[in-house]
């Protein structure tokens, strides 16, 4: 499996083209699952695991990977399925997102497929509220379920969603009460985290589920003669989203003179230097890795101060 991932440079050529690569894998059973290759560092045979006392129920142990001790989560357990039984013949997907590195145990790793975000669809409406899907797609007439790994991480290692009180001075706190922020994120967990963080600052939040929905919303505002930049302090958008990613959303906004001056912060679980370069390429104002409430609150506070000066 050492060669299952292409070089980072090759993969980043897809960025900004509303395309992605999915690493397809299976748990026990025939169902295909997918994860964005940008979240994956490497794939390897299940390493030797050391049990850790008081670890979470989905953590099967820790492993030493290239000199670093990483928690290894049973992905089947994490999404409510029976635990993987034959660990010796399983694989571990080493991931890096939300500023954390960890491994996911899976039964098998199939292949990498190149897809358009327009082929990635939101979960079916009948899936309920407790599912672990962030999107679905089809490959060779098979349904591929894309797991909300941010939700898995949030449940395995909960983080505070409240920013430190000293982030906002009294003047900014007062001004925050009259500010609205548009957030765009397909992960229900990520939306909840951002909403709670911003609401604790006193900011009003409008939340949308993906880039296509956000672009339609903003264009409708503009068609009605309203300037989005006048009504929203900023837009905080995820990058990975079904139908239209955050890079493409940003590009579309910048190309429309009615909304091109909107302040855009790309807020993503994806790691890597390439994100900084893509922020400049597509015209976003800033980039922030998820999810650090103090960092997010600081960026919002800076924006409030800047907007007040103007």
C-alpha atoms as a PDB file:
ATOM      1  CA  UNK A   1       0.000   0.000   0.000  1.00  0.00           C
ATOM      2  CA  UNK A   2       3.040   2.290   0.113  1.00  0.00           C
ATOM      3  CA  UNK A   3       2.286   3.622  -3.354  1.00  0.00           C
ATOM      4  CA  UNK A   4      -1.434   4.121  -2.932  1.00  0.00           C
ATOM      5  CA  UNK A   5      -1.087   7.899  -2.572  1.00  0.00           C
ATOM      6  CA  UNK A   6       0.277  10.144  -5.292  1.00  0.00           C
ATOM      7  CA  UNK A   7       2.568  13.040  -4.427  1.00  0.00           C
ATOM      8  CA  UNK A   8       1.047  16.079  -2.762  1.00  0.00           C
ATOM      9  CA  UNK A   9       2.094  18.246  -5.680  1.00  0.00           C
ATOM     10  CA  UNK A  10       0.162  16.086  -8.145  1.00  0.00           C
ATOM     11  CA  UNK A  11      -2.955  16.018  -5.983  1.00  0.00           C
ATOM     12  CA  UNK A  12      -3.011  19.759  -5.428  1.00  0.00           C
ATOM     13  CA  UNK A  13      -3.404  20.325  -9.158  1.00  0.00           C
ATOM     14  CA  UNK A  14      -7.078  19.464  -8.616  1.00  0.00           C
ATOM     15  CA  UNK A  15      -7.570  22.292  -6.149  1.00  0.00           C
ATOM     16  CA  UNK A  16      -9.550  25.203  -7.527  1.00  0.00           C
ATOM     17  CA  UNK A  17     -11.092  23.071 -10.289  1.00  0.00           C
ATOM     18  CA  UNK A  18     -14.024  21.888  -8.133  1.00  0.00           C
ATOM     19  CA  UNK A  19     -12.463  18.427  -8.179  1.00  0.00           C
ATOM     20  CA  UNK A  20     -11.238  16.044  -5.517  1.00  0.00           C
ATOM     21  CA  UNK A  21      -9.754  12.611  -5.071  1.00  0.00           C
ATOM     22  CA  UNK A  22     -11.403  10.072  -2.806  1.00  0.00           C
ATOM     23  CA  UNK A  23      -9.638   7.172  -1.165  1.00  0.00           C
ATOM     24  CA  UNK A  24     -12.161   4.310  -1.244  1.00  0.00           C
ATOM     25  CA  UNK A  25     -12.176   1.699   1.515  1.00  0.00           C
ATOM     26  CA  UNK A  26     -14.397  -0.873   3.188  1.00  0.00           C
ATOM     27  CA  UNK A  27     -15.193  -1.811   6.737  1.00  0.00           C
ATOM     28  CA  UNK A  28     -16.652  -5.278   7.357  1.00  0.00           C
ATOM     29  CA  UNK A  29     -19.158  -5.815   4.558  1.00  0.00           C
ATOM     30  CA  UNK A  30     -19.503  -4.731   0.952  1.00  0.00           C
ATOM     31  CA  UNK A  31     -20.354  -1.044   1.527  1.00  0.00           C
ATOM     32  CA  UNK A  32     -17.844   1.375  -0.012  1.00  0.00           C
ATOM     33  CA  UNK A  33     -16.719   4.411   1.977  1.00  0.00           C
ATOM     34  CA  UNK A  34     -14.635   7.406   0.974  1.00  0.00           C
ATOM     35  CA  UNK A  35     -12.337  10.018   2.486  1.00  0.00           C
ATOM     36  CA  UNK A  36     -10.764  13.016   0.786  1.00  0.00           C
ATOM     37  CA  UNK A  37      -7.155  12.213  -0.113  1.00  0.00           C
ATOM     38  CA  UNK A  38      -6.099  15.618   1.213  1.00  0.00           C
ATOM     39  CA  UNK A  39      -6.845  14.329   4.720  1.00  0.00           C
ATOM     40  CA  UNK A  40      -4.689  11.225   4.233  1.00  0.00           C
ATOM     41  CA  UNK A  41      -0.970  11.074   5.013  1.00  0.00           C
ATOM     42  CA  UNK A  42      -0.386   7.382   4.307  1.00  0.00           C
ATOM     43  CA  UNK A  43      -1.956   3.932   4.318  1.00  0.00           C
ATOM     44  CA  UNK A  44      -0.297   0.968   5.968  1.00  0.00           C
ATOM     45  CA  UNK A  45      -0.940  -2.512   7.289  1.00  0.00           C
ATOM     46  CA  UNK A  46      -2.356  -2.398  10.819  1.00  0.00           C
ATOM     47  CA  UNK A  47       0.649  -1.668  13.070  1.00  0.00           C
ATOM     48  CA  UNK A  48       1.293  -3.185  16.443  1.00  0.00           C
ATOM     49  CA  UNK A  49      -1.149  -1.615  18.887  1.00  0.00           C
ATOM     50  CA  UNK A  50      -0.551  -0.862  22.536  1.00  0.00           C
ATOM     51  CA  UNK A  51      -3.604  -0.639  24.742  1.00  0.00           C
ATOM     52  CA  UNK A  52      -3.908   2.567  26.720  1.00  0.00           C
ATOM     53  CA  UNK A  53      -5.817   2.776  30.019  1.00  0.00           C
ATOM     54  CA  UNK A  54      -8.775   5.171  30.128  1.00  0.00           C
ATOM     55  CA  UNK A  55      -8.752   5.650  26.353  1.00  0.00           C
ATOM     56  CA  UNK A  56     -12.048   6.218  24.574  1.00  0.00           C
ATOM     57  CA  UNK A  57     -14.196   3.229  23.590  1.00  0.00           C
ATOM     58  CA  UNK A  58     -13.424   3.594  19.868  1.00  0.00           C
ATOM     59  CA  UNK A  59      -9.641   3.808  20.394  1.00  0.00           C
ATOM     60  CA  UNK A  60      -8.191   0.327  19.841  1.00  0.00           C
ATOM     61  CA  UNK A  61      -4.742   1.421  20.990  1.00  0.00           C
ATOM     62  CA  UNK A  62      -1.780   3.587  20.086  1.00  0.00           C
ATOM     63  CA  UNK A  63       0.963   2.879  17.581  1.00  0.00           C
ATOM     64  CA  UNK A  64       4.411   4.258  16.940  1.00  0.00           C
ATOM     65  CA  UNK A  65       4.393   5.561  13.363  1.00  0.00           C
ATOM     66  CA  UNK A  66       7.708   6.978  12.151  1.00  0.00           C
ATOM     67  CA  UNK A  67       8.727   8.022  15.639  1.00  0.00           C
ATOM     68  CA  UNK A  68       5.348   9.515  16.598  1.00  0.00           C
ATOM     69  CA  UNK A  69       2.803   7.882  18.899  1.00  0.00           C
ATOM     70  CA  UNK A  70      -0.676   8.091  17.346  1.00  0.00           C
ATOM     71  CA  UNK A  71      -4.123   7.006  18.556  1.00  0.00           C
ATOM     72  CA  UNK A  72      -5.684   4.366  16.295  1.00  0.00           C
ATOM     73  CA  UNK A  73      -9.495   4.496  16.088  1.00  0.00           C
ATOM     74  CA  UNK A  74     -11.733   1.683  14.941  1.00  0.00           C
ATOM     75  CA  UNK A  75     -13.767   3.530  12.313  1.00  0.00           C
ATOM     76  CA  UNK A  76     -16.496   0.877  12.304  1.00  0.00           C
ATOM     77  CA  UNK A  77     -16.997   1.295  16.064  1.00  0.00           C
ATOM     78  CA  UNK A  78     -16.908   5.065  15.715  1.00  0.00           C
ATOM     79  CA  UNK A  79     -19.892   5.097  13.350  1.00  0.00           C
ATOM     80  CA  UNK A  80     -21.954   2.638  15.379  1.00  0.00           C
ATOM     81  CA  UNK A  81     -21.061  -0.651  13.692  1.00  0.00           C
ATOM     82  CA  UNK A  82     -19.473  -3.795  15.210  1.00  0.00           C
ATOM     83  CA  UNK A  83     -15.751  -3.568  15.861  1.00  0.00           C
ATOM     84  CA  UNK A  84     -13.326  -4.938  13.279  1.00  0.00           C
ATOM     85  CA  UNK A  85     -12.320  -8.414  14.422  1.00  0.00           C
ATOM     86  CA  UNK A  86      -9.271  -9.389  12.371  1.00  0.00           C
ATOM     87  CA  UNK A  87      -6.890  -6.527  13.096  1.00  0.00           C
ATOM     88  CA  UNK A  88      -3.865  -8.404  11.759  1.00  0.00           C
ATOM     89  CA  UNK A  89      -5.314  -8.305   8.241  1.00  0.00           C
ATOM     90  CA  UNK A  90      -6.732  -4.799   8.501  1.00  0.00           C
ATOM     91  CA  UNK A  91      -5.276  -1.507   7.309  1.00  0.00           C
ATOM     92  CA  UNK A  92      -4.744   1.835   8.969  1.00  0.00           C
ATOM     93  CA  UNK A  93      -5.419   5.123   7.198  1.00  0.00           C
ATOM     94  CA  UNK A  94      -3.222   7.772   8.811  1.00  0.00           C
ATOM     95  CA  UNK A  95      -5.081  11.089   8.594  1.00  0.00           C
ATOM     96  CA  UNK A  96      -4.253  14.693   9.334  1.00  0.00           C
ATOM     97  CA  UNK A  97      -7.086  17.174   9.788  1.00  0.00           C
ATOM     98  CA  UNK A  98      -8.386  19.640  12.370  1.00  0.00           C
ATOM     99  CA  UNK A  99      -4.718  20.079  13.370  1.00  0.00           C
ATOM    100  CA  UNK A 100      -4.604  16.463  14.633  1.00  0.00           C
ATOM    101  CA  UNK A 101      -3.001  13.297  13.316  1.00  0.00           C
ATOM    102  CA  UNK A 102      -4.604   9.914  13.989  1.00  0.00           C
ATOM    103  CA  UNK A 103      -5.224   6.550  12.389  1.00  0.00           C
ATOM    104  CA  UNK A 104      -8.456   4.868  11.283  1.00  0.00           C
ATOM    105  CA  UNK A 105      -8.682   1.098  11.210  1.00  0.00           C
ATOM    106  CA  UNK A 106     -10.469  -0.244   8.099  1.00  0.00           C
ATOM    107  CA  UNK A 107     -10.872  -3.716   6.604  1.00  0.00           C
ATOM    108  CA  UNK A 108      -9.474  -2.941   3.152  1.00  0.00           C
ATOM    109  CA  UNK A 109      -8.352  -0.026   0.993  1.00  0.00           C
ATOM    110  CA  UNK A 110      -9.554  -0.186  -2.607  1.00  0.00           C
ATOM    111  CA  UNK A 111      -8.269   2.645  -4.774  1.00  0.00           C
ATOM    112  CA  UNK A 112      -8.186   6.407  -5.344  1.00  0.00           C
ATOM    113  CA  UNK A 113     -10.753   7.949  -7.700  1.00  0.00           C
ATOM    114  CA  UNK A 114     -10.781  11.402  -9.245  1.00  0.00           C
ATOM    115  CA  UNK A 115     -14.199  13.088  -9.094  1.00  0.00           C
ATOM    116  CA  UNK A 116     -15.953  16.401  -9.562  1.00  0.00           C
ATOM    117  CA  UNK A 117     -17.510  17.982  -6.470  1.00  0.00           C
ATOM    118  CA  UNK A 118     -20.751  18.237  -8.459  1.00  0.00           C
ATOM    119  CA  UNK A 119     -20.890  14.427  -8.284  1.00  0.00           C
ATOM    120  CA  UNK A 120     -20.684  14.567  -4.481  1.00  0.00           C
ATOM    121  CA  UNK A 121     -24.186  14.954  -3.064  1.00  0.00           C
ATOM    122  CA  UNK A 122     -25.584  15.693   0.414  1.00  0.00           C
ATOM    123  CA  UNK A 123     -26.816  12.661   2.391  1.00  0.00           C
ATOM    124  CA  UNK A 124     -30.391  11.555   1.635  1.00  0.00           C
ATOM    125  CA  UNK A 125     -32.970  13.511   3.606  1.00  0.00           C
ATOM    126  CA  UNK A 126     -34.284  10.289   5.111  1.00  0.00           C
ATOM    127  CA  UNK A 127     -30.922   9.527   6.726  1.00  0.00           C
ATOM    128  CA  UNK A 128     -32.007  11.188   9.984  1.00  0.00           C
ATOM    129  CA  UNK A 129     -29.938  13.349  12.326  1.00  0.00           C
ATOM    130  CA  UNK A 130     -27.646  10.767  13.917  1.00  0.00           C
ATOM    131  CA  UNK A 131     -25.896   9.472  10.805  1.00  0.00           C
ATOM    132  CA  UNK A 132     -22.166   9.836  10.197  1.00  0.00           C
ATOM    133  CA  UNK A 133     -22.376  10.836   6.553  1.00  0.00           C
ATOM    134  CA  UNK A 134     -21.250  14.170   5.215  1.00  0.00           C
ATOM    135  CA  UNK A 135     -21.982  13.242   1.582  1.00  0.00           C
ATOM    136  CA  UNK A 136     -22.610  10.385  -0.848  1.00  0.00           C
ATOM    137  CA  UNK A 137     -21.619   9.649  -4.415  1.00  0.00           C
ATOM    138  CA  UNK A 138     -21.598   6.781  -6.917  1.00  0.00           C
ATOM    139  CA  UNK A 139     -18.651   4.988  -8.463  1.00  0.00           C
ATOM    140  CA  UNK A 140     -19.060   2.155 -10.975  1.00  0.00           C
ATOM    141  CA  UNK A 141     -22.724   1.781  -9.987  1.00  0.00           C
ATOM    142  CA  UNK A 142     -21.860   1.487  -6.304  1.00  0.00           C
ATOM    143  CA  UNK A 143     -22.966   3.873  -3.584  1.00  0.00           C
ATOM    144  CA  UNK A 144     -20.027   5.495  -1.800  1.00  0.00           C
ATOM    145  CA  UNK A 145     -20.674   6.906   1.671  1.00  0.00           C
ATOM    146  CA  UNK A 146     -18.347   9.738   2.683  1.00  0.00           C
ATOM    147  CA  UNK A 147     -17.990   9.681   6.447  1.00  0.00           C
ATOM    148  CA  UNK A 148     -18.109  12.884   8.495  1.00  0.00           C
ATOM    149  CA  UNK A 149     -14.698  12.361  10.095  1.00  0.00           C
ATOM    150  CA  UNK A 150     -15.003  15.715  11.846  1.00  0.00           C
ATOM    151  CA  UNK A 151     -17.966  14.309  13.742  1.00  0.00           C
ATOM    152  CA  UNK A 152     -15.989  11.151  14.552  1.00  0.00           C
ATOM    153  CA  UNK A 153     -13.125  13.240  15.917  1.00  0.00           C
ATOM    154  CA  UNK A 154     -15.434  15.556  17.865  1.00  0.00           C
ATOM    155  CA  UNK A 155     -17.016  12.582  19.620  1.00  0.00           C
ATOM    156  CA  UNK A 156     -13.716  10.786  20.244  1.00  0.00           C
ATOM    157  CA  UNK A 157     -11.869  13.878  21.471  1.00  0.00           C
ATOM    158  CA  UNK A 158     -14.325  16.685  22.345  1.00  0.00           C
ATOM    159  CA  UNK A 159     -13.034  20.252  22.289  1.00  0.00           C
ATOM    160  CA  UNK A 160     -14.390  23.435  23.781  1.00  0.00           C
ATOM    161  CA  UNK A 161     -16.580  25.474  21.455  1.00  0.00           C
ATOM    162  CA  UNK A 162     -16.334  28.622  23.591  1.00  0.00           C
ATOM    163  CA  UNK A 163     -13.657  31.252  23.043  1.00  0.00           C
ATOM    164  CA  UNK A 164     -11.759  32.792  25.943  1.00  0.00           C
ATOM    165  CA  UNK A 165     -13.513  35.819  27.419  1.00  0.00           C
ATOM    166  CA  UNK A 166     -10.449  38.032  27.024  1.00  0.00           C
ATOM    167  CA  UNK A 167     -10.530  37.732  23.214  1.00  0.00           C
ATOM    168  CA  UNK A 168     -13.040  40.585  22.873  1.00  0.00           C
ATOM    169  CA  UNK A 169     -12.669  43.937  24.552  1.00  0.00           C
ATOM    170  CA  UNK A 170     -15.785  45.791  25.694  1.00  0.00           C
ATOM    171  CA  UNK A 171     -15.970  47.958  22.570  1.00  0.00           C
ATOM    172  CA  UNK A 172     -15.815  44.969  20.217  1.00  0.00           C
ATOM    173  CA  UNK A 173     -18.383  43.075  22.296  1.00  0.00           C
ATOM    174  CA  UNK A 174     -20.856  45.910  21.843  1.00  0.00           C
ATOM    175  CA  UNK A 175     -20.237  46.161  18.088  1.00  0.00           C
ATOM    176  CA  UNK A 176     -20.516  42.376  17.703  1.00  0.00           C
ATOM    177  CA  UNK A 177     -24.183  42.542  18.669  1.00  0.00           C
ATOM    178  CA  UNK A 178     -24.990  44.337  15.400  1.00  0.00           C
ATOM    179  CA  UNK A 179     -22.920  42.020  13.181  1.00  0.00           C
ATOM    180  CA  UNK A 180     -24.074  39.118  11.025  1.00  0.00           C
ATOM    181  CA  UNK A 181     -21.770  36.389   9.755  1.00  0.00           C
ATOM    182  CA  UNK A 182     -22.543  33.897   6.984  1.00  0.00           C
ATOM    183  CA  UNK A 183     -21.085  30.431   7.567  1.00  0.00           C
ATOM    184  CA  UNK A 184     -21.016  27.680   4.954  1.00  0.00           C
ATOM    185  CA  UNK A 185     -20.160  24.112   5.976  1.00  0.00           C
ATOM    186  CA  UNK A 186     -21.520  20.682   5.067  1.00  0.00           C
ATOM    187  CA  UNK A 187     -20.547  19.080   8.395  1.00  0.00           C
ATOM    188  CA  UNK A 188     -23.301  19.384  10.997  1.00  0.00           C
ATOM    189  CA  UNK A 189     -20.678  19.174  13.742  1.00  0.00           C
ATOM    190  CA  UNK A 190     -18.537  21.915  12.217  1.00  0.00           C
ATOM    191  CA  UNK A 191     -21.588  24.167  11.772  1.00  0.00           C
ATOM    192  CA  UNK A 192     -22.575  23.634  15.386  1.00  0.00           C
ATOM    193  CA  UNK A 193     -19.057  24.413  16.612  1.00  0.00           C
ATOM    194  CA  UNK A 194     -18.813  27.629  14.609  1.00  0.00           C
ATOM    195  CA  UNK A 195     -22.337  28.753  15.485  1.00  0.00           C
ATOM    196  CA  UNK A 196     -21.770  28.283  19.215  1.00  0.00           C
ATOM    197  CA  UNK A 197     -18.433  30.048  19.080  1.00  0.00           C
ATOM    198  CA  UNK A 198     -19.814  33.067  17.236  1.00  0.00           C
ATOM    199  CA  UNK A 199     -23.053  33.253  19.191  1.00  0.00           C
ATOM    200  CA  UNK A 200     -21.017  33.378  22.383  1.00  0.00           C
ATOM    201  CA  UNK A 201     -19.399  36.499  20.936  1.00  0.00           C
ATOM    202  CA  UNK A 202     -22.839  38.018  20.400  1.00  0.00           C
ATOM    203  CA  UNK A 203     -22.684  37.731  16.601  1.00  0.00           C
ATOM    204  CA  UNK A 204     -25.795  36.752  14.632  1.00  0.00           C
ATOM    205  CA  UNK A 205     -25.166  33.721  12.423  1.00  0.00           C
ATOM    206  CA  UNK A 206     -26.728  32.593   9.148  1.00  0.00           C
ATOM    207  CA  UNK A 207     -25.697  28.995   8.380  1.00  0.00           C
ATOM    208  CA  UNK A 208     -25.842  27.239   4.991  1.00  0.00           C
ATOM    209  CA  UNK A 209     -24.885  23.688   4.071  1.00  0.00           C
ATOM    210  CA  UNK A 210     -22.730  23.919   0.946  1.00  0.00           C
ATOM    211  CA  UNK A 211     -21.175  26.181  -1.646  1.00  0.00           C
ATOM    212  CA  UNK A 212     -23.964  25.830  -4.194  1.00  0.00           C
ATOM    213  CA  UNK A 213     -26.585  26.824  -1.626  1.00  0.00           C
ATOM    214  CA  UNK A 214     -24.444  29.772  -0.504  1.00  0.00           C
ATOM    215  CA  UNK A 215     -23.876  31.066  -4.033  1.00  0.00           C
ATOM    216  CA  UNK A 216     -27.612  30.852  -4.799  1.00  0.00           C
ATOM    217  CA  UNK A 217     -28.365  32.689  -1.548  1.00  0.00           C
ATOM    218  CA  UNK A 218     -25.879  35.485  -2.281  1.00  0.00           C
ATOM    219  CA  UNK A 219     -26.981  35.894  -5.898  1.00  0.00           C
ATOM    220  CA  UNK A 220     -30.601  36.176  -4.799  1.00  0.00           C
ATOM    221  CA  UNK A 221     -29.615  38.943  -2.396  1.00  0.00           C
ATOM    222  CA  UNK A 222     -27.786  40.738  -5.188  1.00  0.00           C
ATOM    223  CA  UNK A 223     -30.735  40.306  -7.573  1.00  0.00           C
ATOM    224  CA  UNK A 224     -32.900  42.048  -4.969  1.00  0.00           C
ATOM    225  CA  UNK A 225     -30.523  45.010  -4.966  1.00  0.00           C
ATOM    226  CA  UNK A 226     -28.915  44.148  -1.617  1.00  0.00           C
ATOM    227  CA  UNK A 227     -25.140  44.082  -1.185  1.00  0.00           C
ATOM    228  CA  UNK A 228     -23.983  40.998   0.737  1.00  0.00           C
ATOM    229  CA  UNK A 229     -20.929  42.904   1.984  1.00  0.00           C
ATOM    230  CA  UNK A 230     -23.254  45.450   3.609  1.00  0.00           C
ATOM    231  CA  UNK A 231     -25.344  42.828   5.376  1.00  0.00           C
ATOM    232  CA  UNK A 232     -22.607  40.416   6.452  1.00  0.00           C
ATOM    233  CA  UNK A 233     -19.411  41.179   8.312  1.00  0.00           C
ATOM    234  CA  UNK A 234     -17.801  38.219   6.581  1.00  0.00           C
ATOM    235  CA  UNK A 235     -18.370  34.776   5.104  1.00  0.00           C
ATOM    236  CA  UNK A 236     -16.690  31.828   6.807  1.00  0.00           C
ATOM    237  CA  UNK A 237     -16.631  28.904   4.380  1.00  0.00           C
ATOM    238  CA  UNK A 238     -15.432  25.334   4.521  1.00  0.00           C
ATOM    239  CA  UNK A 239     -13.398  24.074   1.565  1.00  0.00           C
ATOM    240  CA  UNK A 240     -14.648  20.480   1.253  1.00  0.00           C
ATOM    241  CA  UNK A 241     -18.352  20.598   0.369  1.00  0.00           C
ATOM    242  CA  UNK A 242     -20.641  18.597  -1.919  1.00  0.00           C
ATOM    243  CA  UNK A 243     -21.665  20.085  -5.274  1.00  0.00           C
ATOM    244  CA  UNK A 244     -19.371  23.144  -4.946  1.00  0.00           C
ATOM    245  CA  UNK A 245     -16.215  23.458  -2.870  1.00  0.00           C
ATOM    246  CA  UNK A 246     -15.105  26.566  -1.005  1.00  0.00           C
ATOM    247  CA  UNK A 247     -12.446  27.474  -3.546  1.00  0.00           C
ATOM    248  CA  UNK A 248     -14.985  27.503  -6.359  1.00  0.00           C
ATOM    249  CA  UNK A 249     -17.491  29.422  -4.225  1.00  0.00           C
ATOM    250  CA  UNK A 250     -14.859  32.060  -3.510  1.00  0.00           C
ATOM    251  CA  UNK A 251     -13.940  32.339  -7.182  1.00  0.00           C
ATOM    252  CA  UNK A 252     -17.608  32.784  -8.170  1.00  0.00           C
ATOM    253  CA  UNK A 253     -18.129  35.475  -5.532  1.00  0.00           C
ATOM    254  CA  UNK A 254     -15.018  37.368  -6.621  1.00  0.00           C
ATOM    255  CA  UNK A 255     -16.153  37.288 -10.272  1.00  0.00           C
ATOM    256  CA  UNK A 256     -19.525  38.898  -9.472  1.00  0.00           C
ATOM    257  CA  UNK A 257     -19.107  42.699  -9.076  1.00  0.00           C
ATOM    258  CA  UNK A 258     -22.222  42.832  -6.889  1.00  0.00           C
ATOM    259  CA  UNK A 259     -20.552  40.786  -4.134  1.00  0.00           C
ATOM    260  CA  UNK A 260     -16.862  40.744  -4.952  1.00  0.00           C
ATOM    261  CA  UNK A 261     -15.924  42.934  -1.965  1.00  0.00           C
ATOM    262  CA  UNK A 262     -17.263  40.442   0.577  1.00  0.00           C
ATOM    263  CA  UNK A 263     -14.707  39.413   3.196  1.00  0.00           C
ATOM    264  CA  UNK A 264     -14.080  35.646   2.927  1.00  0.00           C
ATOM    265  CA  UNK A 265     -12.359  33.432   5.481  1.00  0.00           C
ATOM    266  CA  UNK A 266     -11.752  29.838   4.385  1.00  0.00           C
ATOM    267  CA  UNK A 267     -12.053  27.665   7.491  1.00  0.00           C
ATOM    268  CA  UNK A 268     -11.065  24.078   6.852  1.00  0.00           C
ATOM    269  CA  UNK A 269      -9.954  20.860   8.472  1.00  0.00           C
ATOM    270  CA  UNK A 270      -7.473  20.342   5.628  1.00  0.00           C
ATOM    271  CA  UNK A 271      -3.826  20.850   6.508  1.00  0.00           C
ATOM    272  CA  UNK A 272      -0.933  21.839   4.308  1.00  0.00           C
ATOM    273  CA  UNK A 273       0.982  24.803   2.937  1.00  0.00           C
ATOM    274  CA  UNK A 274      -0.882  24.551  -0.380  1.00  0.00           C
ATOM    275  CA  UNK A 275      -3.972  26.020   1.307  1.00  0.00           C
ATOM    276  CA  UNK A 276      -2.162  29.311   1.879  1.00  0.00           C
ATOM    277  CA  UNK A 277      -1.303  29.506  -1.817  1.00  0.00           C
ATOM    278  CA  UNK A 278      -4.830  28.619  -2.889  1.00  0.00           C
ATOM    279  CA  UNK A 279      -6.269  31.357  -0.654  1.00  0.00           C
ATOM    280  CA  UNK A 280      -4.348  33.879  -2.720  1.00  0.00           C
ATOM    281  CA  UNK A 281      -5.165  32.206  -6.043  1.00  0.00           C
ATOM    282  CA  UNK A 282      -8.927  32.237  -5.564  1.00  0.00           C
ATOM    283  CA  UNK A 283      -9.030  35.634  -3.860  1.00  0.00           C
ATOM    284  CA  UNK A 284     -10.030  34.713  -0.298  1.00  0.00           C
ATOM    285  CA  UNK A 285      -9.000  37.169   2.409  1.00  0.00           C
ATOM    286  CA  UNK A 286      -7.805  34.681   4.986  1.00  0.00           C
ATOM    287  CA  UNK A 287      -7.392  31.005   5.909  1.00  0.00           C
ATOM    288  CA  UNK A 288      -7.801  29.256   9.253  1.00  0.00           C
ATOM    289  CA  UNK A 289      -7.501  25.599  10.206  1.00  0.00           C
ATOM    290  CA  UNK A 290     -10.372  24.053  12.204  1.00  0.00           C
ATOM    291  CA  UNK A 291     -11.285  24.069  15.020  1.00  0.00           C
ATOM    292  CA  UNK A 292      -9.658  26.463  17.458  1.00  0.00           C
ATOM    293  CA  UNK A 293     -12.340  28.704  19.018  1.00  0.00           C
ATOM    294  CA  UNK A 294      -9.848  31.313  20.249  1.00  0.00           C
ATOM    295  CA  UNK A 295      -8.288  31.612  16.782  1.00  0.00           C
ATOM    296  CA  UNK A 296     -11.688  31.900  15.112  1.00  0.00           C
ATOM    297  CA  UNK A 297     -12.912  34.463  17.645  1.00  0.00           C
ATOM    298  CA  UNK A 298      -9.712  36.472  17.168  1.00  0.00           C
ATOM    299  CA  UNK A 299     -10.221  36.635  13.380  1.00  0.00           C
ATOM    300  CA  UNK A 300     -13.833  37.745  13.837  1.00  0.00           C
ATOM    301  CA  UNK A 301     -12.782  40.386  16.381  1.00  0.00           C
ATOM    302  CA  UNK A 302     -10.114  41.692  13.984  1.00  0.00           C
ATOM    303  CA  UNK A 303     -12.715  41.908  11.254  1.00  0.00           C
ATOM    304  CA  UNK A 304     -15.101  43.844  13.526  1.00  0.00           C
ATOM    305  CA  UNK A 305     -12.362  46.347  14.371  1.00  0.00           C
ATOM    306  CA  UNK A 306     -11.361  46.720  10.706  1.00  0.00           C
ATOM    307  CA  UNK A 307     -14.946  47.168   9.533  1.00  0.00           C
ATOM    308  CA  UNK A 308     -15.508  49.810  12.210  1.00  0.00           C
ATOM    309  CA  UNK A 309     -12.483  51.804  11.020  1.00  0.00           C
ATOM    310  CA  UNK A 310     -13.860  51.793   7.490  1.00  0.00           C
END
